[in-house]
Protein backbone atom coordinates (compact mmCIF):
# COMPACT_ATOMS: atom_id res chain seq x y z
CA MET A 1 0.00 0.00 0.00
CA GLU A 2 1.53 3.29 -1.13
CA LEU A 3 0.68 6.75 0.13
CA ARG A 4 -0.24 9.49 -2.29
CA PRO A 5 2.01 12.58 -2.36
CA TYR A 6 -0.50 14.71 -0.45
CA GLN A 7 -0.75 12.01 2.24
CA HIS A 8 3.03 12.01 2.68
CA GLU A 9 3.04 15.79 2.99
CA LEU A 10 0.23 15.86 5.52
CA ALA A 11 1.82 13.11 7.61
CA SER A 12 5.15 14.96 7.73
CA ALA A 13 3.44 18.22 8.65
CA ILE A 14 1.44 16.53 11.42
CA ALA A 15 4.55 14.86 12.84
CA GLN A 16 6.27 18.25 12.96
CA THR A 17 3.28 19.85 14.69
CA LEU A 18 3.32 17.02 17.24
CA LYS A 19 6.98 17.69 17.91
CA ASN A 20 6.44 21.43 18.32
CA HIS A 21 3.12 21.50 20.20
CA GLY A 22 2.33 18.04 21.58
CA LEU A 23 -0.88 17.69 19.57
CA ALA A 24 -2.05 17.99 15.97
CA TYR A 25 -5.48 17.99 14.38
CA LEU A 26 -6.15 16.56 10.91
CA ALA A 27 -9.40 18.22 9.84
CA ALA A 28 -9.94 16.53 6.51
CA GLU A 29 -13.04 15.74 4.52
CA MET A 30 -14.22 12.17 4.33
CA ARG A 31 -12.57 9.59 2.08
CA ILE A 32 -9.12 11.23 1.72
CA GLY A 33 -7.35 8.60 3.85
CA LYS A 34 -7.14 10.06 7.36
CA THR A 35 -6.25 6.68 8.88
CA LEU A 36 -3.25 6.10 6.62
CA ILE A 37 -2.07 9.67 7.09
CA SER A 38 -2.26 9.35 10.86
CA LEU A 39 -0.41 6.01 10.84
CA GLU A 40 2.40 7.49 8.79
CA ALA A 41 2.49 10.52 11.11
CA ALA A 42 2.64 8.08 14.03
CA ARG A 43 5.61 6.32 12.45
CA LEU A 44 7.39 9.63 11.99
CA GLY A 45 6.40 10.96 15.39
CA THR A 46 6.96 7.98 17.70
CA LEU A 47 10.26 6.52 16.56
CA GLN A 48 13.23 7.52 18.71
CA ASN A 49 16.01 5.31 17.36
CA GLY A 50 13.40 2.58 17.02
CA LYS A 51 12.29 2.81 20.65
CA GLY A 52 9.36 4.33 22.48
CA THR A 53 9.45 6.48 25.58
CA GLN A 54 9.78 3.39 27.81
CA GLY A 55 12.88 2.22 25.92
CA THR A 56 10.87 -0.50 24.19
CA ARG A 57 9.10 -0.87 20.86
CA PRO A 58 6.83 2.19 20.30
CA LYS A 59 3.16 1.73 21.23
CA VAL A 60 0.33 3.62 19.57
CA VAL A 61 -3.31 3.60 20.71
CA PHE A 62 -5.99 4.31 18.08
CA ILE A 63 -9.49 5.04 19.43
CA THR A 64 -12.31 5.05 16.91
CA LYS A 65 -15.87 3.91 16.22
CA LEU A 66 -16.72 0.22 16.57
CA LYS A 67 -17.39 -0.37 12.87
CA ALA A 68 -14.12 1.29 11.85
CA ILE A 69 -11.86 -0.98 13.93
CA ALA A 70 -11.44 -3.67 11.25
CA SER A 71 -10.56 -1.09 8.61
CA VAL A 72 -7.93 0.56 10.83
CA GLU A 73 -6.34 -2.79 11.67
CA SER A 74 -6.30 -3.75 7.99
CA ASP A 75 -4.61 -0.48 7.02
CA TYR A 76 -2.03 -1.00 9.76
CA GLU A 77 -1.10 -4.45 8.42
CA LEU A 78 -1.21 -3.61 4.71
CA PHE A 79 0.64 -0.32 5.03
CA GLY A 80 3.65 -2.01 6.63
CA VAL A 81 3.98 0.17 9.73
CA SER A 82 3.36 -2.94 11.84
CA GLU A 83 7.13 -3.43 11.58
CA GLN A 84 7.69 0.00 13.12
CA PHE A 85 5.32 0.16 16.12
CA ASP A 86 2.63 -1.77 17.96
CA LEU A 87 -0.95 -0.64 17.50
CA LEU A 88 -3.92 -1.16 19.79
CA VAL A 89 -7.31 -0.27 18.28
CA PHE A 90 -10.57 -0.08 20.20
CA ASN A 91 -13.78 1.93 20.28
CA TYR A 92 -14.66 4.77 22.64
CA GLU A 93 -17.02 2.59 24.66
CA LYS A 94 -14.02 0.44 25.65
CA VAL A 95 -11.97 3.36 27.04
CA PRO A 96 -12.59 2.33 30.72
CA LYS A 97 -11.19 -1.13 29.95
CA PHE A 98 -7.97 0.19 28.39
CA LEU A 99 -7.04 3.08 30.70
CA SER A 100 -3.69 1.51 31.64
CA GLU A 101 -2.83 0.84 27.99
CA ILE A 102 -3.56 4.47 27.13
CA LYS A 103 -1.28 5.62 29.94
CA GLN A 104 1.53 3.44 28.58
CA ALA A 105 1.16 4.58 24.96
CA ASP A 106 3.78 6.70 23.19
CA LEU A 107 1.11 8.30 21.01
CA VAL A 108 -2.70 8.34 20.97
CA ILE A 109 -4.85 8.88 17.88
CA LEU A 110 -8.41 10.08 18.52
CA ASP A 111 -10.55 9.32 15.48
CA GLU A 112 -13.89 11.12 15.01
CA ALA A 113 -12.65 13.48 17.72
CA HIS A 114 -15.65 15.78 17.43
CA GLY A 115 -17.46 13.18 19.54
CA LEU A 116 -15.54 14.55 22.54
CA GLY A 117 -16.82 18.06 21.96
CA GLN A 118 -19.83 18.13 24.28
CA PHE A 119 -20.52 21.35 26.15
CA PRO A 120 -20.96 22.88 28.64
CA LYS A 121 -20.12 19.63 30.51
CA PRO A 122 -17.87 16.86 29.16
CA ALA A 123 -19.12 13.31 28.75
CA MET A 124 -17.82 10.52 30.97
CA LYS A 125 -15.55 9.14 28.21
CA THR A 126 -14.03 12.60 27.76
CA ARG A 127 -13.28 12.91 31.48
CA GLN A 128 -11.77 9.43 31.53
CA LEU A 129 -9.51 10.22 28.58
CA LYS A 130 -8.27 13.41 30.22
CA GLN A 131 -7.14 11.43 33.26
CA CYS A 132 -4.82 9.19 31.26
CA LEU A 133 -3.72 11.46 28.39
CA GLN A 134 -1.69 13.93 30.41
CA GLY A 135 1.66 14.50 28.73
CA LYS A 136 0.76 12.27 25.79
CA PRO A 137 1.17 13.45 22.18
CA ILE A 138 -2.23 13.26 20.46
CA ILE A 139 -3.36 13.21 16.84
CA TYR A 140 -6.99 14.24 16.40
CA LEU A 141 -8.93 13.14 13.32
CA SER A 142 -12.28 14.47 12.11
CA GLY A 143 -14.03 15.54 8.95
CA THR A 144 -16.17 17.92 11.02
CA PRO A 145 -14.22 19.23 14.05
CA SER A 146 -16.93 21.71 15.03
CA PRO A 147 -20.08 20.75 13.12
CA GLU A 148 -22.45 22.90 15.19
CA SER A 149 -20.33 25.40 17.14
CA TYR A 150 -16.68 26.33 17.66
CA ALA A 151 -17.40 25.80 21.36
CA GLN A 152 -17.13 22.08 20.56
CA LEU A 153 -13.36 22.45 20.29
CA TYR A 154 -12.84 23.23 23.97
CA HIS A 155 -13.32 19.75 25.44
CA GLN A 156 -11.66 18.04 22.50
CA LEU A 157 -8.43 19.89 23.26
CA TRP A 158 -9.10 19.85 27.03
CA VAL A 159 -8.18 16.15 27.21
CA SER A 160 -4.61 17.12 26.27
CA SER A 161 -2.21 18.79 28.69
CA HIS A 162 -0.93 20.69 25.64
CA SER A 163 -4.23 22.48 24.99
CA PRO A 164 -3.78 26.18 24.14
CA TRP A 165 -6.49 26.81 26.75
CA SER A 166 -4.93 24.81 29.58
CA LYS A 167 -5.02 27.85 31.88
CA TYR A 168 -8.83 27.58 32.02
CA GLN A 169 -9.99 25.10 34.64
CA ASN A 170 -13.27 24.29 32.91
CA PHE A 171 -15.58 25.20 30.06
CA TYR A 172 -17.46 27.83 32.05
CA ALA A 173 -14.28 29.78 32.78
CA TRP A 174 -13.27 29.51 29.14
CA ALA A 175 -16.73 30.56 27.94
CA LYS A 176 -16.46 33.86 29.80
CA ASP A 177 -13.75 34.89 27.32
CA TYR A 178 -14.83 33.03 24.18
CA VAL A 179 -18.64 32.69 24.17
CA THR A 180 -21.54 35.09 23.98
CA VAL A 181 -23.97 33.35 26.32
CA LYS A 182 -27.61 33.62 25.30
CA GLU A 183 -30.84 32.05 26.48
CA LYS A 184 -33.19 29.66 24.74
CA ARG A 185 -36.30 27.74 25.70
CA PHE A 186 -36.00 23.94 25.87
CA SER A 187 -39.03 21.83 26.83
CA GLY A 188 -40.64 24.90 28.33
CA VAL A 189 -37.58 25.75 30.45
CA VAL A 190 -35.23 28.68 29.81
CA VAL A 191 -31.61 27.46 29.62
CA LYS A 192 -28.27 29.06 28.79
CA ASP A 193 -27.07 28.68 25.20
CA TYR A 194 -23.26 28.39 24.93
CA SER A 195 -23.11 27.76 21.18
CA HIS A 196 -22.31 31.34 20.10
CA ALA A 197 -18.52 31.12 20.30
CA ASP A 198 -15.99 33.67 19.02
CA LYS A 199 -15.03 31.88 15.82
CA GLU A 200 -12.32 34.32 14.76
CA ARG A 201 -10.51 34.27 18.11
CA ILE A 202 -10.73 30.49 18.47
CA PHE A 203 -9.45 29.98 14.93
CA ALA A 204 -6.56 32.37 15.49
CA GLU A 205 -5.47 30.53 18.65
CA THR A 206 -5.73 27.01 17.21
CA GLU A 207 -4.77 27.49 13.55
CA HIS A 208 -1.20 26.31 14.19
CA LEU A 209 -2.52 22.91 15.34
CA PHE A 210 -4.84 22.22 12.41
CA HIS A 211 -4.09 20.62 9.06
CA SER A 212 -7.13 20.98 6.81
CA PHE A 213 -7.64 19.13 3.55
CA THR A 214 -10.60 18.81 1.20
CA GLN A 215 -11.64 16.25 -1.37
CA SER A 216 -10.94 18.86 -4.03
CA ASP A 217 -7.39 19.26 -2.69
CA ALA A 218 -6.99 15.48 -2.95
CA GLY A 219 -8.05 15.48 -6.60
CA PHE A 220 -11.48 13.90 -6.26
CA GLU A 221 -13.10 13.90 -9.67
CA VAL A 222 -16.48 12.53 -8.61
CA SER A 223 -19.38 14.91 -8.55
CA ARG A 224 -21.11 15.78 -5.33
CA VAL A 225 -23.67 13.36 -3.94
CA THR A 226 -26.97 13.40 -5.83
CA GLU A 227 -29.91 13.28 -3.42
CA ALA A 228 -33.57 12.48 -3.99
CA ARG A 229 -36.62 12.28 -1.75
CA VAL A 230 -38.67 9.22 -2.57
CA PRO A 231 -42.34 9.31 -1.44
CA VAL A 232 -43.72 6.09 0.02
CA VAL A 233 -47.43 5.64 0.75
CA MET A 234 -47.88 4.11 4.18
CA SER A 235 -50.87 2.18 5.48
CA ALA A 236 -54.05 3.72 6.86
CA GLU A 237 -53.02 2.23 10.22
CA VAL A 238 -49.94 4.47 10.38
CA ALA A 239 -52.02 7.53 9.48
CA ARG A 240 -54.55 6.66 12.17
CA MET A 241 -51.94 6.20 14.88
CA THR A 242 -50.19 9.44 14.03
CA ARG A 243 -53.47 11.32 14.03
CA GLU A 244 -54.47 9.92 17.41
CA LEU A 245 -51.09 10.74 18.92
CA LYS A 246 -51.36 14.32 17.74
CA LEU A 247 -54.82 14.70 19.24
CA ALA A 248 -54.41 12.93 22.58
CA ARG A 249 -50.81 11.64 22.89
CA ILE A 250 -52.16 8.10 23.03
CA THR A 251 -52.90 5.40 20.43
CA SER A 252 -52.93 1.63 20.11
CA PHE A 253 -51.83 -1.20 17.85
CA GLN A 254 -53.45 -4.62 17.90
CA GLY A 255 -54.72 -4.00 21.41
CA ILE A 256 -51.39 -2.64 22.72
CA GLU A 257 -51.65 0.85 24.17
CA ILE A 258 -48.96 3.37 23.19
CA ALA A 259 -48.89 6.52 25.32
CA CYS A 260 -46.55 9.53 25.27
CA ASP A 261 -46.21 11.21 28.65
CA THR A 262 -43.59 13.76 27.58
CA ALA A 263 -42.94 15.95 24.55
CA SER A 264 -39.75 14.00 23.85
CA ALA A 265 -41.62 10.68 23.90
CA PHE A 266 -44.24 12.19 21.59
CA ARG A 267 -41.57 13.19 19.07
CA SER A 268 -39.84 9.80 19.24
CA CYS A 269 -43.13 7.93 18.77
CA VAL A 270 -44.21 9.98 15.76
CA HIS A 271 -40.72 9.55 14.30
CA GLN A 272 -40.86 5.77 14.64
CA ILE A 273 -44.43 5.30 13.46
CA SER A 274 -43.82 7.39 10.35
CA SER A 275 -41.46 4.68 9.06
CA GLY A 276 -43.53 1.74 10.23
CA THR A 277 -42.31 0.66 13.66
CA CYS A 278 -42.77 1.57 17.32
CA ILE A 279 -41.56 0.68 20.80
CA ALA A 280 -44.33 -0.14 23.31
CA ASP A 281 -44.81 -1.49 26.82
CA CYS A 282 -46.25 -5.00 26.51
CA ILE A 283 -47.58 -7.33 29.20
CA HIS A 284 -45.88 -10.74 29.24
CA ASP A 285 -47.71 -13.97 30.04
CA ASP A 286 -46.27 -13.85 33.56
CA GLY A 287 -47.79 -10.42 34.12
CA ASN A 288 -44.54 -8.46 33.85
CA VAL A 289 -44.29 -5.41 31.59
CA TYR A 290 -41.46 -5.21 29.06
CA ARG A 291 -40.48 -3.05 26.11
CA LYS A 292 -41.01 -4.51 22.67
CA GLY A 293 -40.32 -3.30 19.15
CA LEU A 294 -43.43 -3.52 16.99
CA ILE A 295 -43.49 -3.71 13.20
CA LEU A 296 -46.56 -1.74 12.14
CA ASP A 297 -46.12 -1.39 8.38
CA THR A 298 -43.49 -2.90 6.07
CA SER A 299 -44.22 -0.54 3.15
CA LYS A 300 -40.79 1.08 3.14
CA ALA A 301 -38.90 -2.22 3.30
CA LYS A 302 -41.07 -3.64 0.52
CA TYR A 303 -40.47 -0.51 -1.56
CA ILE A 304 -36.73 -1.17 -1.32
CA ARG A 305 -37.20 -4.84 -2.23
CA ASP A 306 -39.39 -4.07 -5.24
CA ASN A 307 -37.65 -1.00 -6.69
CA TYR A 308 -33.88 -1.55 -6.43
CA GLU A 309 -33.53 -4.97 -8.00
CA GLY A 310 -30.19 -5.44 -9.73
CA GLN A 311 -28.54 -2.54 -7.87
CA LYS A 312 -25.91 -2.73 -5.17
CA ILE A 313 -27.62 -1.01 -2.24
CA ALA A 314 -26.82 0.03 1.32
CA VAL A 315 -29.59 0.95 3.74
CA PHE A 316 -29.41 3.15 6.82
CA TYR A 317 -32.10 2.83 9.47
CA GLN A 318 -32.70 4.65 12.77
CA PHE A 319 -34.45 2.26 15.16
CA VAL A 320 -33.74 -1.37 16.10
CA ALA A 321 -37.22 -2.46 15.05
CA GLU A 322 -36.48 -1.04 11.59
CA ARG A 323 -33.52 -3.40 11.35
CA ASP A 324 -35.84 -6.28 12.23
CA MET A 325 -38.21 -5.14 9.51
CA LEU A 326 -35.43 -4.96 6.91
CA GLU A 327 -34.17 -8.43 7.82
CA LEU A 328 -37.73 -9.75 7.58
CA VAL A 329 -38.34 -8.38 4.07
CA LEU A 330 -34.92 -8.27 2.39
CA ASP A 331 -32.61 -11.16 1.51
CA ASN A 332 -28.83 -11.32 2.06
CA THR A 333 -28.60 -8.47 4.56
CA THR A 334 -25.28 -7.86 6.34
CA SER A 335 -23.88 -5.33 8.77
CA ASP A 336 -20.28 -6.17 7.85
CA PRO A 337 -18.74 -3.68 5.34
CA LYS A 338 -16.22 -6.30 4.17
CA VAL A 339 -18.95 -8.82 3.35
CA PHE A 340 -20.84 -6.09 1.52
CA ALA A 341 -17.77 -5.11 -0.51
CA ASN A 342 -17.03 -8.68 -1.61
CA ASP A 343 -20.50 -10.19 -2.05
CA PRO A 344 -22.34 -8.69 -5.05
CA LYS A 345 -25.71 -9.96 -3.79
CA SER A 346 -25.45 -8.64 -0.24
CA VAL A 347 -27.41 -5.66 1.10
CA TYR A 348 -25.66 -3.58 3.73
CA ILE A 349 -27.82 -2.40 6.63
CA SER A 350 -26.69 -0.23 9.52
CA GLN A 351 -28.05 2.14 12.10
CA ILE A 352 -27.32 5.70 11.01
CA GLN A 353 -25.32 6.70 14.05
CA SER A 354 -22.89 3.77 13.91
CA GLY A 355 -22.65 3.55 10.12
CA SER A 356 -22.14 7.24 9.40
CA GLN A 357 -18.48 7.25 10.44
CA GLY A 358 -15.50 5.16 9.43
CA VAL A 359 -17.37 2.89 6.99
CA ASP A 360 -16.55 2.66 3.28
CA LEU A 361 -19.67 2.08 1.17
CA SER A 362 -18.20 3.29 -2.10
CA VAL A 363 -19.08 0.00 -3.85
CA ALA A 364 -22.79 0.80 -3.47
CA ASP A 365 -24.83 2.11 -6.37
CA VAL A 366 -27.36 3.73 -4.05
CA LEU A 367 -27.43 4.59 -0.35
CA ILE A 368 -31.01 4.44 0.94
CA PHE A 369 -32.24 6.03 4.15
CA LEU A 370 -35.20 4.07 5.47
CA ASN A 371 -35.46 6.83 8.06
CA ILE A 372 -33.48 9.95 8.94
CA ASN A 373 -32.37 11.04 12.41
CA PHE A 374 -32.36 14.52 13.88
CA SER A 375 -28.62 15.24 13.72
CA ALA A 376 -27.22 17.47 10.98
CA MET A 377 -23.76 16.03 11.67
CA HIS A 378 -24.93 12.46 11.05
CA TYR A 379 -26.66 13.61 7.87
CA ILE A 380 -23.45 15.17 6.54
CA GLN A 381 -21.25 12.23 7.48
CA SER A 382 -23.51 9.37 6.46
CA ARG A 383 -24.15 10.60 2.92
CA ALA A 384 -20.39 10.84 2.38
CA ARG A 385 -19.96 7.08 2.88
CA LEU A 386 -20.34 6.61 -0.89
CA GLN A 387 -17.48 8.89 -1.83
CA LYS A 388 -14.00 7.74 -2.70
CA MET A 389 -11.26 9.16 -4.88
CA ASN A 390 -11.39 6.41 -7.50
CA ARG A 391 -15.19 6.18 -7.63
CA THR A 392 -16.38 6.70 -11.21
CA LYS A 393 -20.11 5.99 -10.96
CA PRO A 394 -22.54 8.61 -9.61
CA ALA A 395 -22.96 8.85 -5.84
CA VAL A 396 -26.72 8.57 -5.31
CA VAL A 397 -28.61 8.90 -2.02
CA HIS A 398 -32.35 8.26 -1.65
CA TYR A 399 -34.46 9.24 1.35
CA LEU A 400 -37.67 7.26 1.75
CA CYS A 401 -40.23 9.76 3.00
CA ALA A 402 -43.65 8.61 4.18
CA VAL A 403 -46.34 10.65 2.48
CA GLY A 404 -47.55 13.03 5.17
CA GLY A 405 -44.81 11.83 7.54
CA ILE A 406 -42.13 13.56 9.57
CA GLU A 407 -39.13 12.76 7.36
CA GLU A 408 -39.60 15.72 5.02
CA ARG A 409 -39.55 18.12 7.96
CA ILE A 410 -36.39 16.55 9.37
CA LEU A 411 -34.64 16.71 6.01
CA ASN A 412 -35.54 20.36 5.60
CA MET A 413 -33.62 21.11 8.79
CA VAL A 414 -30.56 18.84 8.51
CA GLN A 415 -29.96 19.76 4.87
CA ASN A 416 -29.75 23.32 6.16
CA LYS A 417 -27.10 22.08 8.64
CA GLU A 418 -29.41 22.41 11.63
CA ASP A 419 -30.55 19.71 14.05
CA TYR A 420 -34.26 18.92 14.15
CA THR A 421 -34.82 19.91 17.76
CA LEU A 422 -37.74 19.29 20.06
CA SER A 423 -38.85 22.90 19.60
CA HIS A 424 -38.94 22.39 15.83
CA PHE A 425 -41.04 19.27 16.30
CA MET A 426 -43.51 20.96 18.64
CA ARG A 427 -43.87 23.79 16.16
CA ASP A 428 -44.61 21.32 13.36
CA TYR A 429 -47.00 19.21 15.44
CA ARG A 430 -48.61 21.83 17.63
CA GLU A 431 -52.21 21.16 18.46
């Protein structure tokens, strides 16, 4: 496996930034080879006469998304750097299990680093990483470092002892200098909005750490993704249930009562029902109540089966019951990207959140969204799964939208790079 000239240049630049500042951030668009670039930068940045900081063979930790682990390990073996340093790859959910290994690493690579950018309070995984990353050189990787606000950069860099904002003890102290705090109403409660960060000042103070690269810079010749909204007529049962929920926040399916006691539950229920499934409390034979995924209407899955014959397709879904529905209606489904790439008859299915990052679906003719979630970031990332430098066929994405359903409203927001919030939903479904 050979690196392209731009990958060599980026890796060298990142290694130099690591040497000078203790951290480097590769902010590159999807499909330009961030993993390979980071592995080459690791080779350049960790070798000290062939030994790591402990006087032994260098050790690199690579933390990523679950579905990207196999791809990272494959790149590590094929690229040949396995002869230069040891690599341990695991997903963010496994951080508590590997705290000691992180502490012993000579270099840590944080893939999809924007996932650490919560504010105003950091997530548990972010706090755990900070405890064991002190003094460690870090390479950050993301196609969208600050997808919603520049305030998302604070906690990403906070995990490093080399952060340019290390003098600030926490986000709130930092926000006093970098954020215009406003107020917004959320679920009827007025809360502080910390998203209005000083973009110019933050950029000026972090520019030396960032290495940005676009698909155009890499020489991508493929056109941008072509999107289409595909209307699907759902059953009268779905229309009835949605109508009843809107009127009274309660409905039923085959004798099972479905009630929404909060605005958030109302939104989730309408979202699920619109694509043909729902989660409900069911009474077991022993009298106990348990949660069960119900398949209400298979119209969307049948539309895929009947209208994409002969095409190599990948399908993103949102809810677990939607996966069950797809497996019920479609043949040869798989959640393994390698199986999908090598089996011409297979159909790739994945939940949007897990499949939108680190997965290569460039062999697909069409990427189909059975449903769409509320996150603008997931929308941007998931549709890019089709793109690759050497792709010659059109990159086509279809969104299956229930006629009269919620999907059109969600798409209107996320395509405008805004999340579909609860306030948006309540506006759309106000009584």
